[in-house]
Amino acid sequence: MIRTSKGTKAAVLISAAALLAACGSSSSDKPAAAPTGEPITIGAPFAQSGPAGIADHKDCWNGTQLAIDEINAAGGVNGRPLALDVTDIDILTPEGITSAFQKLAADGVAAIQSAFVLIPPPALDAAAAYGAPYMSGDTNIDAIKMAQADTTKYGNYFSDPAETFYGTGYVTFLSQLADSGKWTPANNTVDIIRGDTAYNKNIAQATIDAINASGGKWKVGQVIDITAGTKDWGPVLAKLQAKPAGAIMVDHWIGAELASFSQQFAGNPVPNALVYLQYGPSQPEYLQIAGAAAEGFVWGSVIGVGNSNDKQKAFRAAYQAKFGVDDTTMGMVYTGWCYDTVHVLAEAWKNVDPTDFAGVNAYIKANPYDGVIGHEDFSNVSTPAYPDQVDSGDAGVTHYFYQVQGGKHVTIAPDGSNEADFVKPAWMQ
């Protein structure tokens, strides 16, 4: 049991009430009737034994379970409870991906909830053969294009924005931050440390393309290739030191390895460089491993959890109370995304028989949902991102940029959704 002060207990109760109200629960003081009947089951291929993805998949699992518990506490879906069927998955091999999805299909689940896989086509094909809604956080432009090219076959695939927006959005962020006067670049060169996955290569290329389209405002510097498992960042730091850039993008997604980079960079920094770490710092282990060395680093997510409105604050409070974490140990990406996608499914099931897969898929496409990460519109497979694709936070999920300040992740962009302004890290003083 988690011990809390009276003030904290009150905040959690208020947060939970706000979340239940957002889920459509009754405003009456009378408790909702416990759901009965056959459960509506969500299949969850979550990585548990490695070799990759465990931290993010656990965040997704937690967000999914929180949503299920809240919906059931509010009476379920048309009086039926939601249930979760979890199976382990190897997200690095086609065989591991296909077998996990086929196992869930054989179990007869009503939907599949996935944080991501690193080879999307086998997942799309296995899910398409089954037909149930497939809610994915793949963040993969190739998977999105694959589904958009054949909406008949892949009409059950619903995705977050593509990874390419990490690249274009990053360059926009640099321009806006420099134009605001909150940061004065030492020069207009951007170095890119590029990971070895297709995901990271797509991000790097989108960044390069956006820099080249900036009209000379930014210039591509060094592109330094790395592999997963990098522990000694000394050779990389030596290259960065040899030709100091105004901004550095570390285009890599593994939180523990980004923590190692942060520790080594903090001890031997490139003076005055703004350093961006691709979304991996969301994984709780980043702050746990990096410790004080994390201070000042910037990172972003196209499906991050903000902290600027009542729904986001309520979600954070409820999540932290349930799982015994705080702002330093709560993941800021898949927690909110997977929480929201359960509510997307629940809204569809309230209106369409869960066994009518085609009807449920059509409902999801036709009915956007406003969740804790923003406005989710799956009419064209992937929900759009703000400000990368749409002009308003009311029309898409927000592409947040965070900075570690005071040992916590604090949103610093976009303007209007930020908690604080960018603060110069120690190596800029």
Protein backbone atom coordinates (compact mmCIF):
# COMPACT_ATOMS: atom_id res chain seq x y z
CA MET A 1 0.00 0.00 0.00
CA ILE A 2 1.25 3.48 -0.87
CA ARG A 3 1.30 5.87 2.03
CA THR A 4 0.18 9.40 1.24
CA SER A 5 -0.45 12.58 3.13
CA LYS A 6 -3.99 13.88 3.49
CA GLY A 7 -3.25 16.54 0.90
CA THR A 8 -1.91 14.02 -1.55
CA LYS A 9 -4.85 11.70 -0.95
CA ALA A 10 -7.24 14.53 -1.68
CA ALA A 11 -5.42 15.42 -4.87
CA VAL A 12 -5.51 11.81 -6.03
CA LEU A 13 -9.22 11.52 -5.29
CA ILE A 14 -9.94 14.72 -7.19
CA SER A 15 -7.80 13.50 -10.08
CA ALA A 16 -9.51 10.14 -10.22
CA ALA A 17 -12.91 11.81 -10.16
CA ALA A 18 -11.92 14.07 -13.02
CA LEU A 19 -10.69 11.14 -15.06
CA LEU A 20 -13.82 9.10 -14.44
CA ALA A 21 -15.93 12.06 -15.47
CA ALA A 22 -13.91 12.32 -18.66
CA CYS A 23 -14.66 8.66 -19.34
CA GLY A 24 -18.37 9.40 -19.26
CA SER A 25 -19.21 8.21 -15.75
CA SER A 26 -22.33 9.40 -13.99
CA SER A 27 -22.29 12.62 -12.01
CA SER A 28 -24.45 10.90 -9.37
CA ASP A 29 -22.95 10.07 -5.97
CA LYS A 30 -24.25 6.52 -6.39
CA PRO A 31 -21.38 4.13 -7.22
CA ALA A 32 -21.50 2.60 -10.69
CA ALA A 33 -22.77 -0.95 -10.82
CA ALA A 34 -19.98 -3.51 -11.16
CA PRO A 35 -19.71 -4.72 -14.75
CA THR A 36 -20.92 -8.25 -15.41
CA GLY A 37 -21.07 -10.66 -18.29
CA GLU A 38 -18.40 -11.79 -20.69
CA PRO A 39 -15.29 -9.55 -20.65
CA ILE A 40 -14.22 -7.58 -23.70
CA THR A 41 -10.58 -8.55 -23.97
CA ILE A 42 -7.70 -6.43 -25.25
CA GLY A 43 -4.72 -8.42 -26.48
CA ALA A 44 -1.36 -6.99 -25.50
CA PRO A 45 1.93 -8.17 -27.07
CA PHE A 46 4.25 -6.60 -24.48
CA ALA A 47 8.00 -7.28 -24.40
CA GLN A 48 8.91 -8.71 -21.00
CA SER A 49 12.03 -10.81 -21.47
CA GLY A 50 14.01 -8.78 -23.97
CA PRO A 51 16.12 -8.18 -25.81
CA ALA A 52 14.60 -4.72 -26.38
CA GLY A 53 11.62 -2.52 -25.62
CA ILE A 54 10.90 -3.65 -22.06
CA ALA A 55 10.86 -0.16 -20.49
CA ASP A 56 8.53 1.39 -23.07
CA HIS A 57 6.30 -1.69 -23.18
CA LYS A 58 5.95 -1.60 -19.39
CA ASP A 59 4.89 2.05 -19.64
CA CYS A 60 2.28 1.02 -22.22
CA TRP A 61 1.14 -1.88 -20.03
CA ASN A 62 0.69 0.46 -17.06
CA GLY A 63 -1.25 3.04 -19.07
CA THR A 64 -3.44 0.32 -20.54
CA GLN A 65 -4.18 -1.21 -17.14
CA LEU A 66 -4.99 2.17 -15.59
CA ALA A 67 -7.55 2.87 -18.30
CA ILE A 68 -9.09 -0.60 -17.95
CA ASP A 69 -9.37 -0.25 -14.18
CA GLU A 70 -11.02 3.17 -14.45
CA ILE A 71 -13.49 2.06 -17.10
CA ASN A 72 -14.43 -1.02 -15.06
CA ALA A 73 -14.81 1.08 -11.91
CA ALA A 74 -17.24 3.28 -13.85
CA GLY A 75 -19.39 0.30 -14.85
CA GLY A 76 -17.45 -1.07 -17.81
CA VAL A 77 -18.62 -0.82 -21.42
CA ASN A 78 -22.37 -1.24 -21.62
CA GLY A 79 -22.14 -3.19 -18.38
CA ARG A 80 -19.36 -5.52 -19.58
CA PRO A 81 -15.89 -5.45 -18.01
CA LEU A 82 -12.69 -4.95 -19.96
CA ALA A 83 -9.91 -7.50 -19.56
CA LEU A 84 -6.27 -7.69 -20.65
CA ASP A 85 -4.58 -10.69 -22.31
CA VAL A 86 -0.80 -10.14 -22.20
CA THR A 87 1.74 -12.20 -24.13
CA ASP A 88 5.50 -11.76 -24.35
CA ILE A 89 6.97 -10.68 -27.69
CA ASP A 90 10.37 -10.44 -29.34
CA ILE A 91 10.02 -7.12 -31.19
CA LEU A 92 13.27 -7.66 -33.14
CA THR A 93 12.36 -10.70 -35.25
CA PRO A 94 9.55 -11.33 -37.76
CA GLU A 95 8.96 -14.76 -36.24
CA GLY A 96 8.64 -13.41 -32.71
CA ILE A 97 6.27 -10.65 -33.81
CA THR A 98 4.06 -12.90 -35.93
CA SER A 99 3.75 -15.62 -33.28
CA ALA A 100 2.74 -13.13 -30.56
CA PHE A 101 0.03 -11.57 -32.72
CA GLN A 102 -1.25 -14.95 -33.89
CA LYS A 103 -1.43 -16.18 -30.30
CA LEU A 104 -3.68 -13.26 -29.36
CA ALA A 105 -5.84 -13.80 -32.44
CA ALA A 106 -6.26 -17.44 -31.42
CA ASP A 107 -7.37 -16.22 -27.99
CA GLY A 108 -10.18 -14.30 -29.68
CA VAL A 109 -9.28 -10.82 -28.38
CA ALA A 110 -11.44 -7.86 -29.39
CA ALA A 111 -8.46 -5.58 -30.12
CA ILE A 112 -4.67 -5.55 -30.06
CA GLN A 113 -2.80 -2.88 -28.11
CA SER A 114 0.89 -2.51 -28.97
CA ALA A 115 3.54 -0.06 -27.83
CA PHE A 116 5.62 -0.79 -30.94
CA VAL A 117 7.58 -3.41 -32.83
CA LEU A 118 10.82 -2.73 -34.65
CA ILE A 119 9.76 -4.63 -37.79
CA PRO A 120 6.19 -3.45 -38.48
CA PRO A 121 5.15 -5.42 -41.62
CA PRO A 122 4.78 -8.81 -39.89
CA ALA A 123 2.61 -7.19 -37.21
CA LEU A 124 0.43 -5.41 -39.77
CA ASP A 125 -0.03 -8.60 -41.78
CA ALA A 126 -0.86 -10.77 -38.77
CA ALA A 127 -3.29 -8.16 -37.43
CA ALA A 128 -4.87 -7.65 -40.86
CA ALA A 129 -5.51 -11.38 -41.20
CA TYR A 130 -7.40 -11.29 -37.90
CA GLY A 131 -9.26 -8.00 -38.47
CA ALA A 132 -9.64 -6.63 -34.94
CA PRO A 133 -8.52 -3.03 -34.27
CA TYR A 134 -4.75 -2.78 -33.92
CA MET A 135 -3.76 0.26 -31.84
CA SER A 136 -0.06 0.90 -32.41
CA GLY A 137 2.62 3.27 -31.19
CA ASP A 138 5.03 2.24 -33.95
CA THR A 139 5.85 5.85 -34.93
CA ASN A 140 6.90 4.43 -38.29
CA ILE A 141 6.50 6.20 -41.62
CA ASP A 142 6.88 2.99 -43.62
CA ALA A 143 4.12 1.23 -41.68
CA ILE A 144 1.85 4.23 -42.05
CA LYS A 145 2.44 4.40 -45.80
CA MET A 146 1.87 0.66 -46.05
CA ALA A 147 -1.52 1.00 -44.37
CA GLN A 148 -2.50 4.11 -46.32
CA ALA A 149 -1.66 2.37 -49.61
CA ASP A 150 -4.08 -0.50 -48.90
CA THR A 151 -6.84 0.69 -46.59
CA THR A 152 -8.93 -2.37 -47.43
CA LYS A 153 -6.36 -4.84 -46.14
CA TYR A 154 -4.96 -2.68 -43.33
CA GLY A 155 -8.11 -0.83 -42.32
CA ASN A 156 -7.67 -2.00 -38.72
CA TYR A 157 -4.27 -0.29 -38.20
CA PHE A 158 -4.30 2.91 -36.11
CA SER A 159 -1.00 4.66 -35.42
CA ASP A 160 0.67 7.62 -33.78
CA PRO A 161 2.50 10.22 -35.94
CA ALA A 162 5.53 9.12 -37.95
CA GLU A 163 9.09 9.34 -36.66
CA THR A 164 9.99 11.77 -39.46
CA PHE A 165 8.30 14.52 -37.46
CA TYR A 166 11.01 14.15 -34.83
CA GLY A 167 13.39 15.47 -37.46
CA THR A 168 11.29 18.26 -38.95
CA GLY A 169 9.93 19.24 -35.55
CA TYR A 170 13.40 19.41 -34.05
CA VAL A 171 14.57 21.93 -36.66
CA THR A 172 11.41 24.00 -36.11
CA PHE A 173 12.09 23.91 -32.36
CA LEU A 174 15.66 25.14 -32.85
CA SER A 175 14.45 28.03 -35.02
CA GLN A 176 11.71 29.06 -32.63
CA LEU A 177 13.99 28.86 -29.61
CA ALA A 178 16.71 30.91 -31.31
CA ASP A 179 14.20 33.49 -32.61
CA SER A 180 12.72 33.86 -29.11
CA GLY A 181 16.04 35.03 -27.71
CA LYS A 182 15.99 32.33 -25.02
CA TRP A 183 18.98 30.69 -26.69
CA THR A 184 21.74 32.21 -28.81
CA PRO A 185 23.43 29.51 -30.88
CA ALA A 186 27.22 29.53 -30.90
CA ASN A 187 26.94 28.82 -34.64
CA ASN A 188 24.33 27.47 -37.04
CA THR A 189 25.83 23.99 -37.40
CA VAL A 190 23.86 20.92 -36.27
CA ASP A 191 25.72 17.68 -35.58
CA ILE A 192 23.74 14.43 -35.73
CA ILE A 193 24.67 11.27 -33.84
CA ARG A 194 22.74 8.63 -35.80
CA GLY A 195 21.53 5.31 -34.39
CA ASP A 196 21.59 2.16 -36.49
CA THR A 197 17.85 1.34 -36.70
CA ALA A 198 15.68 2.24 -39.69
CA TYR A 199 13.70 4.37 -37.24
CA ASN A 200 16.74 6.48 -36.36
CA LYS A 201 17.90 6.67 -39.96
CA ASN A 202 14.50 8.02 -40.98
CA ILE A 203 14.70 10.66 -38.25
CA ALA A 204 18.21 11.67 -39.28
CA GLN A 205 17.25 12.02 -42.94
CA ALA A 206 14.17 14.10 -42.06
CA THR A 207 16.41 16.34 -39.93
CA ILE A 208 18.93 16.73 -42.76
CA ASP A 209 16.15 17.53 -45.24
CA ALA A 210 14.66 20.15 -42.91
CA ILE A 211 18.05 21.75 -42.33
CA ASN A 212 18.70 21.91 -46.06
CA ALA A 213 15.27 23.51 -46.52
CA SER A 214 15.95 26.18 -43.87
CA GLY A 215 17.42 28.64 -46.36
CA GLY A 216 20.81 28.73 -44.65
CA LYS A 217 19.48 29.30 -41.15
CA TRP A 218 20.95 25.92 -40.19
CA LYS A 219 23.76 23.84 -41.64
CA VAL A 220 24.38 20.10 -41.42
CA GLY A 221 27.56 19.37 -39.53
CA GLN A 222 28.95 15.94 -38.73
CA VAL A 223 26.80 12.82 -39.03
CA ILE A 224 28.31 10.32 -36.61
CA ASP A 225 27.04 6.73 -36.78
CA ILE A 226 26.70 4.59 -33.66
CA THR A 227 25.35 1.14 -32.88
CA ALA A 228 23.01 -0.05 -30.15
CA GLY A 229 24.93 -1.09 -27.06
CA THR A 230 27.32 1.88 -27.11
CA LYS A 231 28.84 2.35 -23.64
CA ASP A 232 32.04 4.27 -24.33
CA TRP A 233 31.08 7.61 -25.86
CA GLY A 234 34.66 8.87 -25.80
CA PRO A 235 35.28 8.56 -29.58
CA VAL A 236 31.97 10.32 -30.29
CA LEU A 237 32.77 13.12 -27.85
CA ALA A 238 36.20 13.54 -29.45
CA LYS A 239 34.58 14.11 -32.84
CA LEU A 240 32.10 16.58 -31.34
CA GLN A 241 34.91 18.47 -29.62
CA ALA A 242 37.01 18.64 -32.79
CA LYS A 243 34.38 20.69 -34.64
CA PRO A 244 32.04 22.25 -32.04
CA ALA A 245 28.50 22.70 -33.32
CA GLY A 246 25.81 25.04 -32.05
CA ALA A 247 23.35 22.15 -31.65
CA ILE A 248 23.75 18.40 -31.27
CA MET A 249 21.04 15.81 -31.96
CA VAL A 250 21.61 12.40 -30.37
CA ASP A 251 19.32 10.36 -32.62
CA HIS A 252 19.13 7.21 -30.47
CA TRP A 253 16.22 5.72 -28.52
CA ILE A 254 17.59 3.58 -25.67
CA GLY A 255 17.23 5.42 -22.36
CA ALA A 256 20.06 3.70 -20.49
CA GLU A 257 22.54 4.42 -23.28
CA LEU A 258 21.41 8.04 -23.50
CA ALA A 259 21.99 8.25 -19.74
CA SER A 260 25.53 7.01 -20.27
CA PHE A 261 26.05 9.64 -22.98
CA SER A 262 24.74 12.34 -20.63
CA GLN A 263 27.13 11.36 -17.86
CA GLN A 264 30.14 11.36 -20.17
CA PHE A 265 29.11 14.56 -21.96
CA ALA A 266 28.54 16.40 -18.65
CA GLY A 267 32.13 15.58 -17.69
CA ASN A 268 33.51 16.70 -21.04
CA PRO A 269 30.93 18.94 -22.74
CA VAL A 270 30.94 20.84 -26.00
CA PRO A 271 30.69 24.38 -24.63
CA ASN A 272 27.49 26.26 -25.45
CA ALA A 273 25.97 23.45 -27.55
CA LEU A 274 22.27 22.74 -27.16
CA VAL A 275 22.01 18.96 -26.80
CA TYR A 276 18.86 17.08 -27.78
CA LEU A 277 18.33 13.42 -26.94
CA GLN A 278 15.70 11.60 -28.98
CA TYR A 279 12.72 10.39 -26.95
CA GLY A 280 14.58 7.74 -24.86
CA PRO A 281 14.81 9.98 -21.74
CA SER A 282 11.09 9.28 -21.28
CA GLN A 283 12.07 5.81 -20.07
CA PRO A 284 12.25 6.02 -16.25
CA GLU A 285 15.70 4.44 -16.18
CA TYR A 286 17.20 7.51 -17.90
CA LEU A 287 16.88 9.79 -14.87
CA GLN A 288 17.65 6.94 -12.49
CA ILE A 289 20.95 6.17 -14.23
CA ALA A 290 22.01 9.67 -15.34
CA GLY A 291 21.28 11.30 -11.99
CA ALA A 292 22.51 14.88 -11.71
CA ALA A 293 24.25 14.59 -15.09
CA ALA A 294 20.83 14.69 -16.82
CA GLU A 295 20.32 18.32 -15.87
CA GLY A 296 19.85 20.61 -18.87
CA PHE A 297 19.44 18.03 -21.63
CA VAL A 298 16.51 18.50 -24.03
CA TRP A 299 14.40 15.75 -25.57
CA GLY A 300 11.04 15.38 -27.31
CA SER A 301 8.11 13.14 -28.15
CA VAL A 302 5.32 13.25 -30.70
CA ILE A 303 3.06 11.44 -28.19
CA GLY A 304 4.30 12.87 -24.92
CA VAL A 305 2.24 13.61 -21.82
CA GLY A 306 2.02 17.31 -21.06
CA ASN A 307 1.19 18.99 -17.77
CA SER A 308 -0.69 22.09 -18.88
CA ASN A 309 -4.37 21.20 -18.52
CA ASP A 310 -6.64 19.55 -15.98
CA LYS A 311 -6.94 16.27 -17.90
CA GLN A 312 -3.17 15.85 -18.12
CA LYS A 313 -2.65 16.76 -14.45
CA ALA A 314 -5.39 14.33 -13.40
CA PHE A 315 -3.88 11.56 -15.49
CA ARG A 316 -0.43 12.09 -13.99
CA ALA A 317 -1.82 12.11 -10.45
CA ALA A 318 -3.85 8.94 -10.97
CA TYR A 319 -0.97 7.13 -12.71
CA GLN A 320 1.54 8.07 -10.04
CA ALA A 321 -0.81 7.06 -7.23
CA LYS A 322 -1.56 3.68 -8.80
CA PHE A 323 2.02 2.73 -9.62
CA GLY A 324 3.85 4.42 -6.76
CA VAL A 325 5.96 6.71 -8.91
CA ASP A 326 6.52 10.46 -9.31
CA ASP A 327 7.64 12.84 -12.05
CA THR A 328 11.16 11.39 -11.96
CA THR A 329 10.11 7.76 -12.41
CA MET A 330 7.02 8.05 -14.62
CA GLY A 331 7.45 7.47 -18.33
CA MET A 332 6.13 10.43 -20.33
CA VAL A 333 5.34 8.74 -23.66
CA TYR A 334 3.65 5.35 -23.85
CA THR A 335 1.89 5.82 -20.53
CA GLY A 336 -0.50 8.40 -21.99
CA TRP A 337 -0.69 6.99 -25.52
CA CYS A 338 -1.75 3.52 -24.39
CA TYR A 339 -4.12 4.95 -21.80
CA ASP A 340 -5.84 7.00 -24.50
CA THR A 341 -6.08 4.21 -27.06
CA VAL A 342 -7.97 2.02 -24.57
CA HIS A 343 -10.50 4.85 -24.25
CA VAL A 344 -10.68 5.10 -28.04
CA LEU A 345 -11.61 1.41 -28.13
CA ALA A 346 -14.09 1.74 -25.26
CA GLU A 347 -15.90 4.59 -27.00
CA ALA A 348 -16.19 2.48 -30.15
CA TRP A 349 -17.45 -0.54 -28.22
CA LYS A 350 -20.12 1.53 -26.55
CA ASN A 351 -21.58 2.11 -30.00
CA VAL A 352 -20.64 -1.02 -31.98
CA ASP A 353 -20.67 -4.72 -31.09
CA PRO A 354 -17.03 -5.59 -30.21
CA THR A 355 -17.24 -8.71 -32.41
CA ASP A 356 -18.04 -6.53 -35.44
CA PHE A 357 -14.42 -5.72 -36.24
CA ALA A 358 -15.20 -3.84 -39.46
CA GLY A 359 -17.83 -1.75 -37.70
CA VAL A 360 -15.51 -0.92 -34.81
CA ASN A 361 -12.69 0.07 -37.19
CA ALA A 362 -15.07 2.31 -39.13
CA TYR A 363 -16.25 3.96 -35.91
CA ILE A 364 -12.70 4.72 -34.79
CA LYS A 365 -11.90 6.32 -38.14
CA ALA A 366 -15.02 8.47 -38.07
CA ASN A 367 -14.89 9.61 -34.45
CA PRO A 368 -11.82 11.49 -33.14
CA TYR A 369 -11.07 11.28 -29.43
CA ASP A 370 -9.74 14.01 -27.12
CA GLY A 371 -7.37 12.36 -24.67
CA VAL A 372 -4.54 13.21 -22.31
CA ILE A 373 -2.04 13.53 -25.20
CA GLY A 374 -4.35 15.60 -27.39
CA HIS A 375 -6.80 15.26 -30.26
CA GLU A 376 -6.55 11.81 -31.85
CA ASP A 377 -7.97 11.56 -35.36
CA PHE A 378 -7.35 8.21 -37.08
CA SER A 379 -9.26 8.94 -40.27
CA ASN A 380 -6.02 8.68 -42.27
CA VAL A 381 -4.34 5.87 -40.29
CA SER A 382 -2.07 8.01 -38.10
CA THR A 383 -3.28 10.84 -35.92
CA PRO A 384 -1.76 14.22 -36.90
CA ALA A 385 0.82 16.05 -34.80
CA TYR A 386 0.79 19.67 -33.65
CA PRO A 387 2.53 21.90 -34.72
CA ASP A 388 4.17 19.66 -37.34
CA GLN A 389 1.01 18.89 -39.34
CA VAL A 390 -1.80 21.00 -37.91
CA ASP A 391 -1.98 24.57 -36.62
CA SER A 392 -3.76 23.95 -33.34
CA GLY A 393 -3.33 21.69 -30.33
CA ASP A 394 -7.06 21.07 -30.62
CA ALA A 395 -6.51 19.38 -33.99
CA GLY A 396 -3.73 16.93 -33.18
CA VAL A 397 -1.50 15.37 -30.55
CA THR A 398 1.14 17.78 -29.33
CA HIS A 399 4.80 17.31 -30.21
CA TYR A 400 6.30 18.21 -26.85
CA PHE A 401 9.86 19.21 -26.09
CA TYR A 402 11.13 18.67 -22.55
CA GLN A 403 14.17 19.74 -20.60
CA VAL A 404 15.49 18.15 -17.44
CA GLN A 405 15.19 20.89 -14.83
CA GLY A 406 15.63 20.25 -11.13
CA GLY A 407 15.82 16.52 -11.76
CA LYS A 408 12.44 16.38 -13.54
CA HIS A 409 11.17 16.43 -17.12
CA VAL A 410 9.59 19.84 -17.74
CA THR A 411 7.79 20.79 -20.97
CA ILE A 412 9.43 23.82 -22.63
CA ALA A 413 7.69 23.80 -26.05
CA PRO A 414 5.52 24.45 -27.92
CA ASP A 415 4.58 27.86 -26.56
CA GLY A 416 1.22 27.82 -24.84
CA SER A 417 1.65 24.21 -23.74
CA ASN A 418 4.90 24.68 -21.85
CA GLU A 419 5.42 24.56 -18.10
CA ALA A 420 8.63 26.60 -18.15
CA ASP A 421 11.12 28.27 -20.45
CA PHE A 422 14.37 26.77 -21.66
CA VAL A 423 17.13 27.15 -19.07
CA LYS A 424 20.79 27.29 -20.06
CA PRO A 425 22.59 24.18 -18.78
CA ALA A 426 25.85 24.38 -16.86
CA TRP A 427 27.98 24.00 -19.99
CA MET A 428 26.39 27.17 -21.42
CA GLN A 429 27.06 29.38 -18.40
